[in-house]
């Protein structure tokens, strides 16, 4: 079963699929090390998001475990990793305050059911309408945010490890204030661990002397280095040592105590309108974030596989229902985890499954050992991921393209960094749509003009050829061309090559033809009858063009040839 890529939820081979196919056993040597990296990235993020959401830390870990052990199996994506969503923090905070925790969990269950319905209704097609420049801008923005958010932790300021991927909050400067404060109060031990960790990550695959250690993922080496250095600092230079909130902190007490901390939804409130309203809001936001993430990860995937978006919505719905039933936070596919998965060499969904198992093992068996890991070491890992997402090459490539490509890219980066993920992407989409509309208004891609001047007394002949598809976006261009024709012109509107003309454009041509006689413009129509069946009592024939006097009533106009 494991040796077949088409196993449970198997990923169909795609163009550029991994060498040897998509079988799980064949790719185990790639997926297992990658899962360690994803686990190390996900562990503090699960805790940080839960705390920032006003929920118990265990709730974030429950969602991370469900995202790995459940969603990854149901999903059709080879590289996506699901977990608690930073973009939902504000919604979760408000929901817990308004509904209570048990009511909030019921809303999460409702959200999961709604997502399953959206997947069955094939609403995932929405993902294909995100412009590439906006997706690239979103990835670069997340890279920038990761770098800015992790600088304080690399310097030893660990009040908010991950937060909500937002640099501004509560009317304050947020992360900007943290960066300033961290530089004023540098913890040498944390700074040394983070700096050496970054060096290790940058040279891990490049220096031949480390070739014998490459069986170990670079991020794992950074974590072990951080643990070792901190032990030395505590023994030799105690003031450089890290403890307390500078280390990973897991709920402890054994399996029985952990189980006793789990909350469950209050189904007695299932008919409350507020529960359903919150559930629909969570479902909508979580689905949009998931589709954005999926589109972005498909672009990062070195094998260029396409993830089934509708199946992903169903998978997320199943995951959210189970997470809600077990006291967890709502989850989505998460770009930070997914990009770490890809950059660490993962090839199949097994990496995400393993990471979920590791989260479960860590909180049940190894909470004390996990408490040895310095947050500065994890900050180095996230700084490296941020650097890869916001590479200089990405900016250079986009700036070399037309304005309609780099303007939405830059706008998305600035907007996401200044606001939040969904707001920033929405602003970027608005700019992208503006350039699309402007291009259609100024340069009508679907209209071709060819002019030939033949003296017929004092008349001039102009030919306007419509292309295969003429959308409503071309209405302004068509109107401009027709109404700027000089008096005494013979104009031929040729739609013989057209397969589709929007009704608004057809109506525009009708209105122009009906009033053309008053401007001494003679109209010749070709091919419009096949696109717009004539109204009752009208027809378009293949006779010669009629004189301008016959154009008073457009329905009586007969086309030429």
Foldseek 3Di string as FASTA:
>chain_A
DQQDQPPQLRADDDFLADPPHQRRVVQVLQQALLLVLLLLLQQVVLQLLCVLLVHHSVQQLLQQLLQQAFLLRLFNDFQWTKTFALQCSVLSNVCCVVQNLQLQLLLLLLLLVVLLVCLVVVVLVVLVPQDPLLLLLLLLLLLVLLQLQLQLLLQPNQPRLRHRSACDDPNDRRSVVSNVVSVVPGQVLSNVLLVVLLVQQVCVVPDPVNVVVVSHFSLVVSQVSSLVSLVVCCVPPVSNHDADSQARAADADADVVSLVPWDFHDCVCVPPPVSNVSSNVLNVVQLVVQSSLQVSLCVVASSNGHISSSSSSNSLSVSSSVSSGGSHHRMHRDNLSSLSSRVSRRNGSVSSNVSSVVSVCCHRPNSPVRRSGGSSSSSSSSNVSSCVSNPPVSLVVQVVDDCLNVVLSVQLSVQCHNGNNVRSSVVSVVSNVVVVLVCCQPPVPQWDWDADFDCDPPEGETETEGAAEAEPSNQNVLLVVLVPDAARYEYEYEDQRYPEHDPSNVVSVLVSLLCNLVRNYFYAYHDCCVHPPQDPPADEDADDFDGSVQSNHSSPGHHHD
